[in-house]
Amino acid sequence: MNKMKIFFSSCLILIALGYCGCKEEGRLDQENPDAPAPVPLTADHIKEVKAIPGGTIVKYRVPLDENLSYVKASYEIAPGNIKEAKASKYIDSLSLEGFSTAGTYKVIIHTVGENQKESDPYELEVNPLTPPVLTAFSTLSIKEMFGGIRGSFENPDKASLAVVVMADTLDIGLWSSLRTFYFGLPKVSFSHNGMSPKETKFGVYLRDRWGNKSDTLVEYLTPKFEEEIPKNATNYSSGFKKHTLPSDEDEHVEGPGYALEKLWDGITSDVNSNIFAGLHGIPMPRTFTISIGCEAIISRIVVHQRKDYEYTGAGVKKFKLYGSNADKPGDSLAPGGDWILLGDFESVIPSGSATPTEDDKIYANQRGENFELIETPETPDPWVPVKYIRFQAIETFEGGKASQIIIAEISLHGQVQNKDL
C-alpha cells in the first residue's frame, strides 16, 4: 500500500472515531428538574443597603450553589403596583427603582435555580430617598410669554421625566392636555405656544417612567399676543429676502436646492434638497443676513434641523441671533453699532441621551427647536423692533474651526409692528 492510501485510510479512521466520540457526548447545559431550590439569601449575605433617590441598591455575597441562576426581588413601589428586579449569579447587587415617595418599604428576595425553583423568601426593609419626580417638581415654575407659557425646573438626578402641560381652555373646569415633553437634562426649560392672549388656567405636572406623578402646579396666566412673521409676500411689501453683507458666508454648495432661500420655503422633510447647505471648510463663526420684509418684535426663532441628520454633522449646535432696525445696516456686529444681540443659543438633545430618541428627532426636524428671546445680562431688552436678522453660527455638532453648516428651515415669531417698509 502506498503512502497516499495509508494517509487517507488514517483520516477515515480518525473521522469515524471523532464522530463516535461526539455522538456519545451528553448535553452539558441540561437542566435537572429534580434539583432542589438554591440556597436562599440571608442577613449574613447582605453587604450594603444604599438608599438613592427613588430607589435602593442592595449589595450581597452571592450564595455558593451550582444550581443558582439568578436573584430576584419583588417590591411595591406604590399601593397595588408590584415591580421585580433581577440579577444573574455573576452580579452581586440588585437595583430597586421606581418608588413613588420616600419611606420604608418591604422587599422579598428569592434565589432562583436553573430549573426555576425558588428558594425560601428573605424579607428586607429599604428606605429610598425622595424620587426625582418629586424633587424636580419642588423647583417647577411657569410664567406667561409670547403666545403661551414658559416653564423650568431643576433635575439634578438627570432622571427621564415627562412634562405634561394642560389648560382649562373652555373655562369650564375641565383640563385639556396641550402637550407632553420628555427630558433627561439637569436643567430643563420648556414652552408651549399658539395660545390666545386671554387669561387661562394652566396646569403642569411631572411623570416618571414608572408612572409616578407629581402634584399639579396651577397658575392663571395671560399669554402675550404672538404671530408668525410671514416668510413670503402676501399683503406685506416683500417677505424674507437674502441680504448679503461683506463678511457674510451665505453661498451654497452646487445646485439650487441648497440655496439660502430654502430656509423659508416651508419644506422641512427633504434630506438632499430644499435645505440650506453652505460651502465646505469656511472658518467659524459664519453669518448670513435676512431682510424680514417688515418691522417686527421677535419673540422666538424656530430652527428645523436636516431630516435624518438631527444633532449630528453640519447641523448648527451654537449660534447667536442679531437684529437691526436700520434702513441699511452696516457689517460690524460691535456693540453700539447697527446690530443688537437678541439671543445666544445652544441646541441640546432634550432627552439627555447620547443618541437622540425618536421624540428628539421629531422635535429637531418636524416641530423645530424653539429658541426664545429672554432677558439676560447680555440681552437686557431683546424685544425691540427690527427689520433685519443676522444668524451667526458659532459651532456645529461635528466641531472644528472650519465647517459646513446645514439648516432645513427657520421661522420667526413675534409681533409685526409695521408691514409697509
Protein backbone atom coordinates (compact mmCIF):
# COMPACT_ATOMS: atom_id res chain seq x y z
CA MET A 1 0.00 0.00 0.00
CA ASN A 2 1.48 3.36 -0.98
CA LYS A 3 1.83 6.36 1.33
CA MET A 4 -1.21 8.19 -0.14
CA LYS A 5 -3.54 5.24 0.57
CA ILE A 6 -2.21 4.94 4.14
CA PHE A 7 -2.81 8.69 4.68
CA PHE A 8 -6.47 8.56 3.52
CA SER A 9 -7.16 5.38 5.49
CA SER A 10 -5.83 7.06 8.65
CA CYS A 11 -8.05 10.13 8.06
CA LEU A 12 -11.15 7.97 7.67
CA ILE A 13 -10.40 6.12 10.93
CA LEU A 14 -9.88 9.40 12.82
CA ILE A 15 -13.12 10.89 11.42
CA ALA A 16 -15.06 7.77 12.39
CA LEU A 17 -13.61 7.78 15.91
CA GLY A 18 -14.36 11.52 16.26
CA TYR A 19 -17.94 11.01 15.09
CA CYS A 20 -18.49 8.21 17.57
CA GLY A 21 -16.95 10.28 20.36
CA CYS A 22 -19.23 13.24 19.61
CA LYS A 23 -22.24 11.02 19.38
CA GLU A 24 -21.72 9.66 22.86
CA GLU A 25 -21.18 13.18 24.40
CA GLY A 26 -24.10 14.25 26.57
CA ARG A 27 -25.54 17.81 26.91
CA LEU A 28 -23.61 19.80 29.48
CA ASP A 29 -26.27 22.52 29.86
CA GLN A 30 -29.23 20.24 30.52
CA GLU A 31 -31.37 21.35 33.48
CA ASN A 32 -32.05 18.94 36.28
CA PRO A 33 -35.76 19.21 37.13
CA ASP A 34 -35.21 17.22 40.32
CA ALA A 35 -32.53 19.53 41.71
CA PRO A 36 -33.60 21.36 44.87
CA ALA A 37 -34.17 25.09 45.08
CA PRO A 38 -30.93 27.01 45.56
CA VAL A 39 -29.59 28.30 48.86
CA PRO A 40 -31.65 31.31 49.99
CA LEU A 41 -30.25 34.75 50.67
CA THR A 42 -29.91 35.54 54.40
CA ALA A 43 -28.85 38.50 56.51
CA ASP A 44 -25.31 37.10 56.50
CA HIS A 45 -25.15 37.55 52.71
CA ILE A 46 -26.11 41.27 52.80
CA LYS A 47 -23.09 43.59 52.45
CA GLU A 48 -24.75 47.00 51.97
CA VAL A 49 -28.20 48.58 51.55
CA LYS A 50 -27.74 52.00 49.96
CA ALA A 51 -30.66 54.43 49.58
CA ILE A 52 -30.75 56.51 46.38
CA PRO A 53 -33.35 58.97 45.02
CA GLY A 54 -36.44 56.86 44.31
CA GLY A 55 -34.67 53.57 44.93
CA THR A 56 -32.18 51.36 46.77
CA ILE A 57 -29.06 49.42 45.80
CA VAL A 58 -28.75 46.08 47.65
CA LYS A 59 -25.25 44.58 47.59
CA TYR A 60 -24.75 41.00 48.72
CA ARG A 61 -22.45 37.98 48.66
CA VAL A 62 -23.73 35.59 46.01
CA PRO A 63 -24.62 32.22 47.63
CA LEU A 64 -22.40 29.31 46.60
CA ASP A 65 -24.77 26.92 44.85
CA GLU A 66 -24.13 25.32 41.45
CA ASN A 67 -27.87 25.30 40.75
CA LEU A 68 -28.24 29.08 41.26
CA SER A 69 -29.32 31.02 38.16
CA TYR A 70 -30.32 34.47 39.41
CA VAL A 71 -31.56 36.53 42.36
CA LYS A 72 -35.00 38.14 42.24
CA ALA A 73 -36.56 40.91 44.36
CA SER A 74 -40.27 41.78 44.50
CA TYR A 75 -41.41 45.10 45.94
CA GLU A 76 -44.35 47.51 45.87
CA ILE A 77 -43.43 50.99 44.54
CA ALA A 78 -46.94 52.33 45.17
CA PRO A 79 -50.13 50.74 46.53
CA GLY A 80 -51.01 47.85 44.21
CA ASN A 81 -48.04 48.44 41.88
CA ILE A 82 -45.64 45.48 42.22
CA LYS A 83 -42.24 45.52 40.49
CA GLU A 84 -39.46 42.97 40.14
CA ALA A 85 -35.70 43.32 39.88
CA LYS A 86 -33.37 40.50 38.79
CA ALA A 87 -29.62 39.96 38.80
CA SER A 88 -27.71 36.98 37.40
CA LYS A 89 -25.44 34.84 39.54
CA TYR A 90 -22.49 36.78 38.14
CA ILE A 91 -23.68 40.08 39.66
CA ASP A 92 -23.58 40.90 43.35
CA SER A 93 -26.23 43.63 43.57
CA LEU A 94 -29.88 44.42 42.90
CA SER A 95 -31.10 47.84 41.76
CA LEU A 96 -34.57 48.58 43.12
CA GLU A 97 -36.09 51.60 41.35
CA GLY A 98 -39.37 53.43 40.88
CA PHE A 99 -40.57 54.07 44.45
CA SER A 100 -43.27 56.76 44.46
CA THR A 101 -42.22 58.50 47.68
CA ALA A 102 -39.52 58.36 50.34
CA GLY A 103 -40.32 55.95 53.19
CA THR A 104 -39.95 52.38 54.41
CA TYR A 105 -40.80 49.55 52.03
CA LYS A 106 -40.73 45.75 52.31
CA VAL A 107 -38.73 43.78 49.76
CA ILE A 108 -38.99 40.00 49.26
CA ILE A 109 -35.87 38.35 47.80
CA HIS A 110 -35.60 34.83 46.34
CA THR A 111 -32.76 32.97 44.74
CA VAL A 112 -33.88 31.06 41.64
CA GLY A 113 -32.41 27.86 40.23
CA GLU A 114 -31.67 26.78 36.67
CA ASN A 115 -34.90 24.76 36.88
CA GLN A 116 -36.76 27.92 38.00
CA LYS A 117 -37.34 26.61 41.53
CA GLU A 118 -37.38 29.46 44.06
CA SER A 119 -35.72 29.45 47.45
CA ASP A 120 -37.40 30.41 50.69
CA PRO A 121 -38.01 34.17 50.80
CA TYR A 122 -35.76 36.65 52.56
CA GLU A 123 -37.51 39.83 53.73
CA LEU A 124 -35.67 43.13 53.77
CA GLU A 125 -36.75 46.69 54.61
CA VAL A 126 -35.43 49.56 52.44
CA ASN A 127 -35.73 53.32 52.77
CA PRO A 128 -35.44 55.02 49.35
CA LEU A 129 -34.85 58.77 49.20
CA THR A 130 -37.31 61.26 47.68
CA PRO A 131 -37.77 60.28 43.99
CA PRO A 132 -36.56 62.64 41.25
CA VAL A 133 -40.12 63.30 40.02
CA LEU A 134 -40.94 64.96 43.35
CA THR A 135 -37.57 66.69 43.79
CA ALA A 136 -37.88 68.21 40.32
CA PHE A 137 -41.48 69.29 40.95
CA SER A 138 -40.40 71.28 44.00
CA THR A 139 -38.46 73.60 41.66
CA LEU A 140 -41.07 73.78 38.87
CA SER A 141 -42.31 77.23 37.83
CA ILE A 142 -44.26 78.62 34.87
CA LYS A 143 -44.92 82.12 33.56
CA GLU A 144 -46.59 83.80 30.62
CA MET A 145 -44.68 84.57 27.44
CA PHE A 146 -45.40 85.45 23.83
CA GLY A 147 -48.09 83.08 22.56
CA GLY A 148 -48.17 80.82 25.60
CA ILE A 149 -46.25 79.83 28.70
CA ARG A 150 -42.67 79.04 29.60
CA GLY A 151 -41.62 76.70 32.40
CA SER A 152 -38.46 75.42 34.02
CA PHE A 153 -37.25 73.07 36.76
CA GLU A 154 -34.08 71.52 38.16
CA ASN A 155 -33.42 67.82 37.57
CA PRO A 156 -30.11 67.13 39.36
CA ASP A 157 -30.54 63.34 39.08
CA LYS A 158 -30.90 63.61 35.28
CA ALA A 159 -33.98 61.39 35.54
CA SER A 160 -36.11 60.66 32.47
CA LEU A 161 -39.20 62.76 33.11
CA ALA A 162 -42.32 63.66 31.15
CA VAL A 163 -43.74 67.18 31.49
CA VAL A 164 -47.48 67.33 30.88
CA VAL A 165 -48.91 70.78 30.07
CA MET A 166 -52.68 71.25 30.44
CA ALA A 167 -55.15 74.13 30.28
CA ASP A 168 -58.79 74.78 31.04
CA THR A 169 -59.22 76.30 27.57
CA LEU A 170 -63.02 76.47 27.69
CA ASP A 171 -63.09 77.82 31.26
CA ILE A 172 -65.49 75.09 32.37
CA GLY A 173 -63.34 73.37 34.98
CA LEU A 174 -62.04 70.60 32.70
CA TRP A 175 -58.39 70.08 31.82
CA SER A 176 -57.31 69.69 28.20
CA SER A 177 -53.87 68.18 27.58
CA LEU A 178 -51.87 70.56 25.39
CA ARG A 179 -48.50 68.84 25.03
CA THR A 180 -46.14 66.37 26.68
CA PHE A 181 -42.37 66.91 26.71
CA TYR A 182 -39.67 64.36 27.56
CA PHE A 183 -36.45 65.40 29.25
CA GLY A 184 -33.40 63.90 30.93
CA LEU A 185 -31.36 67.07 31.39
CA PRO A 186 -30.11 68.50 34.70
CA LYS A 187 -31.71 71.89 33.93
CA VAL A 188 -34.93 71.90 31.94
CA SER A 189 -36.86 74.66 30.22
CA PHE A 190 -39.94 74.15 28.07
CA SER A 191 -42.64 76.22 26.41
CA HIS A 192 -45.99 75.86 24.76
CA ASN A 193 -47.09 78.33 22.11
CA GLY A 194 -50.12 79.07 19.95
CA MET A 195 -52.35 80.30 22.78
CA SER A 196 -54.76 83.24 22.64
CA PRO A 197 -53.88 86.39 24.61
CA LYS A 198 -56.52 85.87 27.30
CA GLU A 199 -56.34 84.77 30.92
CA THR A 200 -56.23 80.97 31.06
CA LYS A 201 -55.94 78.41 33.82
CA PHE A 202 -52.81 76.34 33.16
CA GLY A 203 -51.69 73.13 34.89
CA VAL A 204 -48.35 71.32 34.69
CA TYR A 205 -47.27 68.06 36.32
CA LEU A 206 -44.32 65.67 36.00
CA ARG A 207 -44.36 61.91 35.42
CA ASP A 208 -41.54 59.36 35.59
CA ARG A 209 -41.05 56.15 33.61
CA TRP A 210 -42.72 54.04 36.30
CA GLY A 211 -45.95 56.06 36.10
CA ASN A 212 -45.38 58.03 39.30
CA LYS A 213 -46.82 61.55 39.13
CA SER A 214 -46.17 64.78 40.96
CA ASP A 215 -48.86 67.17 42.10
CA THR A 216 -50.15 69.67 39.54
CA LEU A 217 -48.86 73.23 39.50
CA VAL A 218 -51.79 75.52 38.67
CA GLU A 219 -51.45 79.14 37.53
CA TYR A 220 -53.75 81.69 35.92
CA LEU A 221 -51.68 83.32 33.16
CA THR A 222 -52.32 85.63 30.21
CA PRO A 223 -50.09 84.91 27.19
CA LYS A 224 -48.84 87.87 25.17
CA PHE A 225 -50.06 88.17 21.59
CA GLU A 226 -47.78 86.36 19.13
CA GLU A 227 -47.89 85.68 15.39
CA GLU A 228 -45.58 84.08 12.88
CA ILE A 229 -43.66 86.65 10.85
CA PRO A 230 -44.76 85.97 7.24
CA LYS A 231 -41.97 84.49 5.15
CA ASN A 232 -43.48 85.18 1.75
CA ALA A 233 -45.04 88.34 0.36
CA THR A 234 -48.84 88.44 0.65
CA ASN A 235 -50.25 91.70 1.98
CA TYR A 236 -46.73 92.67 3.01
CA SER A 237 -44.30 94.68 0.92
CA SER A 238 -41.85 91.83 0.48
CA GLY A 239 -41.30 88.84 2.79
CA PHE A 240 -37.96 87.23 3.63
CA LYS A 241 -35.06 88.12 1.33
CA LYS A 242 -31.37 87.33 1.27
CA HIS A 243 -29.39 90.44 2.25
CA THR A 244 -25.67 89.79 1.86
CA LEU A 245 -23.23 91.89 3.85
CA PRO A 246 -19.44 91.92 3.21
CA SER A 247 -18.48 89.40 5.92
CA ASP A 248 -21.43 87.05 5.34
CA GLU A 249 -20.84 83.48 4.16
CA ASP A 250 -24.19 82.66 2.56
CA GLU A 251 -23.09 80.93 -0.63
CA HIS A 252 -24.28 77.35 -1.05
CA VAL A 253 -22.87 74.12 -2.44
CA GLU A 254 -23.74 73.14 -6.00
CA GLY A 255 -27.39 73.00 -7.00
CA PRO A 256 -30.28 75.43 -6.43
CA GLY A 257 -31.87 73.07 -3.89
CA TYR A 258 -29.30 74.15 -1.30
CA ALA A 259 -29.62 77.95 -1.60
CA LEU A 260 -30.14 80.24 1.41
CA GLU A 261 -33.68 80.96 0.19
CA LYS A 262 -34.59 77.34 1.01
CA LEU A 263 -34.59 78.39 4.67
CA TRP A 264 -38.04 79.92 4.19
CA ASP A 265 -39.66 77.64 1.60
CA GLY A 266 -41.80 75.85 4.21
CA ILE A 267 -40.24 72.44 3.50
CA THR A 268 -38.51 70.52 6.32
CA SER A 269 -38.98 66.90 5.21
CA ASP A 270 -36.40 66.69 2.39
CA VAL A 271 -32.97 65.23 3.06
CA ASN A 272 -30.97 66.29 -0.01
CA SER A 273 -32.92 69.27 -1.32
CA ASN A 274 -34.85 72.29 -0.06
CA ILE A 275 -32.29 72.88 2.68
CA PHE A 276 -29.57 75.48 3.06
CA ALA A 277 -26.18 73.79 2.73
CA GLY A 278 -23.30 76.26 2.91
CA LEU A 279 -19.86 75.89 1.40
CA HIS A 280 -17.41 73.45 2.98
CA GLY A 281 -14.44 74.48 5.08
CA ILE A 282 -15.45 78.05 5.90
CA PRO A 283 -13.92 79.32 9.19
CA MET A 284 -16.26 79.72 12.14
CA PRO A 285 -18.10 81.81 13.12
CA ARG A 286 -20.01 82.42 9.89
CA THR A 287 -23.03 84.63 9.30
CA PHE A 288 -25.92 85.20 6.95
CA THR A 289 -28.39 88.08 6.91
CA ILE A 290 -32.11 88.17 6.08
CA SER A 291 -34.38 91.12 5.44
CA ILE A 292 -37.66 90.04 7.06
CA GLY A 293 -39.84 92.33 4.91
CA CYS A 294 -41.47 94.16 7.79
CA GLU A 295 -40.70 95.77 11.11
CA ALA A 296 -41.31 93.30 13.93
CA ILE A 297 -40.51 92.40 17.51
CA ILE A 298 -39.02 88.89 17.56
CA SER A 299 -40.12 86.60 20.41
CA ARG A 300 -38.52 83.33 19.22
CA ILE A 301 -36.76 81.69 16.32
CA VAL A 302 -37.60 78.10 15.32
CA VAL A 303 -34.78 76.14 13.69
CA HIS A 304 -35.51 72.90 11.84
CA GLN A 305 -32.55 70.54 11.55
CA ARG A 306 -31.92 68.43 8.46
CA LYS A 307 -34.04 65.28 8.41
CA ASP A 308 -32.15 62.08 9.30
CA TYR A 309 -29.13 64.13 10.48
CA GLU A 310 -30.54 65.51 13.71
CA TYR A 311 -27.88 66.56 16.27
CA THR A 312 -25.02 65.43 14.01
CA GLY A 313 -22.55 66.64 11.42
CA ALA A 314 -23.02 70.11 9.95
CA GLY A 315 -26.14 70.86 11.99
CA VAL A 316 -25.77 74.09 13.97
CA LYS A 317 -25.14 73.45 17.67
CA LYS A 318 -24.42 77.02 18.89
CA PHE A 319 -25.48 80.30 17.33
CA LYS A 320 -26.20 83.96 18.04
CA LEU A 321 -29.11 85.96 16.66
CA TYR A 322 -28.77 89.68 15.97
CA GLY A 323 -31.36 92.22 14.84
CA SER A 324 -31.22 95.65 13.24
CA ASN A 325 -33.80 98.35 12.61
CA ALA A 326 -31.52 100.43 10.39
CA ASP A 327 -32.63 101.01 6.80
CA LYS A 328 -29.21 99.94 5.54
CA PRO A 329 -27.37 98.18 8.40
CA GLY A 330 -23.61 98.08 8.35
CA ASP A 331 -21.47 94.97 8.53
CA SER A 332 -19.97 95.35 12.01
CA LEU A 333 -21.55 93.45 14.92
CA ALA A 334 -19.66 95.52 17.51
CA PRO A 335 -21.78 96.88 20.40
CA GLY A 336 -23.16 100.37 19.77
CA GLY A 337 -23.47 99.82 16.03
CA ASP A 338 -26.44 98.92 13.84
CA TRP A 339 -26.83 95.44 15.29
CA ILE A 340 -28.17 94.38 18.70
CA LEU A 341 -27.72 90.90 20.15
CA LEU A 342 -31.14 89.23 20.51
CA GLY A 343 -30.03 85.87 21.87
CA ASP A 344 -27.19 83.40 22.40
CA PHE A 345 -28.41 79.84 21.90
CA GLU A 346 -27.31 76.21 22.04
CA SER A 347 -29.06 73.15 20.63
CA VAL A 348 -29.25 70.28 23.14
CA ILE A 349 -30.84 66.84 22.95
CA PRO A 350 -33.99 67.13 25.13
CA SER A 351 -33.86 63.55 26.43
CA GLY A 352 -30.27 63.96 27.57
CA SER A 353 -29.42 60.72 25.78
CA ALA A 354 -26.09 60.30 23.97
CA THR A 355 -28.08 59.01 21.00
CA PRO A 356 -31.19 61.03 20.03
CA THR A 357 -34.51 59.27 20.62
CA GLU A 358 -37.32 59.32 18.08
CA ASP A 359 -39.02 62.10 20.09
CA ASP A 360 -35.76 64.09 19.99
CA LYS A 361 -35.61 63.77 16.20
CA ILE A 362 -39.26 64.76 15.74
CA TYR A 363 -38.63 67.87 17.82
CA ALA A 364 -35.47 68.81 15.90
CA ASN A 365 -36.85 68.32 12.40
CA GLN A 366 -40.66 68.25 12.25
CA ARG A 367 -41.58 70.55 15.12
CA GLY A 368 -38.41 72.59 15.05
CA GLU A 369 -36.31 73.68 18.01
CA ASN A 370 -37.75 76.70 19.81
CA PHE A 371 -35.23 79.31 20.86
CA GLU A 372 -36.95 82.02 22.86
CA LEU A 373 -35.63 85.51 23.38
CA ILE A 374 -35.22 86.14 27.10
CA GLU A 375 -33.67 88.78 29.33
CA THR A 376 -30.04 88.09 30.22
CA PRO A 377 -27.09 90.31 31.21
CA GLU A 378 -26.01 90.21 27.54
CA THR A 379 -29.55 90.80 26.21
CA PRO A 380 -31.30 93.08 28.75
CA ASP A 381 -34.05 94.05 26.26
CA PRO A 382 -34.20 91.68 23.27
CA TRP A 383 -37.76 92.64 22.28
CA VAL A 384 -37.00 95.61 20.08
CA PRO A 385 -38.41 96.26 16.58
CA VAL A 386 -36.11 95.01 13.81
CA LYS A 387 -36.16 94.89 10.03
CA TYR A 388 -33.23 92.53 9.58
CA ILE A 389 -31.92 89.48 11.40
CA ARG A 390 -28.39 88.14 11.30
CA PHE A 391 -27.72 84.50 12.12
CA GLN A 392 -24.19 83.78 13.34
CA ALA A 393 -23.27 80.08 13.52
CA ILE A 394 -20.66 79.57 16.24
CA GLU A 395 -20.28 75.77 16.28
CA THR A 396 -21.65 72.71 14.51
CA PHE A 397 -22.18 69.26 16.00
CA GLU A 398 -19.08 67.93 14.25
CA GLY A 399 -16.98 70.72 15.81
CA GLY A 400 -13.84 72.11 14.26
CA LYS A 401 -12.65 75.61 13.42
CA ALA A 402 -13.94 75.36 9.87
CA SER A 403 -17.12 73.64 8.81
CA GLN A 404 -20.09 73.48 6.52
CA ILE A 405 -23.45 74.47 8.03
CA ILE A 406 -26.78 72.88 7.11
CA ILE A 407 -30.26 74.04 8.19
CA ALA A 408 -33.59 72.81 6.80
CA GLU A 409 -35.82 75.78 7.72
CA ILE A 410 -36.16 78.73 10.06
CA SER A 411 -39.28 80.55 11.27
CA LEU A 412 -39.66 83.77 13.24
CA HIS A 413 -42.43 84.59 15.67
CA GLY A 414 -43.33 87.79 17.46
CA GLN A 415 -45.37 90.91 16.77
CA VAL A 416 -45.43 92.76 13.47
CA GLN A 417 -45.15 96.49 14.10
CA ASN A 418 -45.18 97.80 10.55
CA LYS A 419 -45.83 95.75 7.43
CA ASP A 420 -45.21 98.55 4.94
CA LEU A 421 -41.49 99.35 4.73
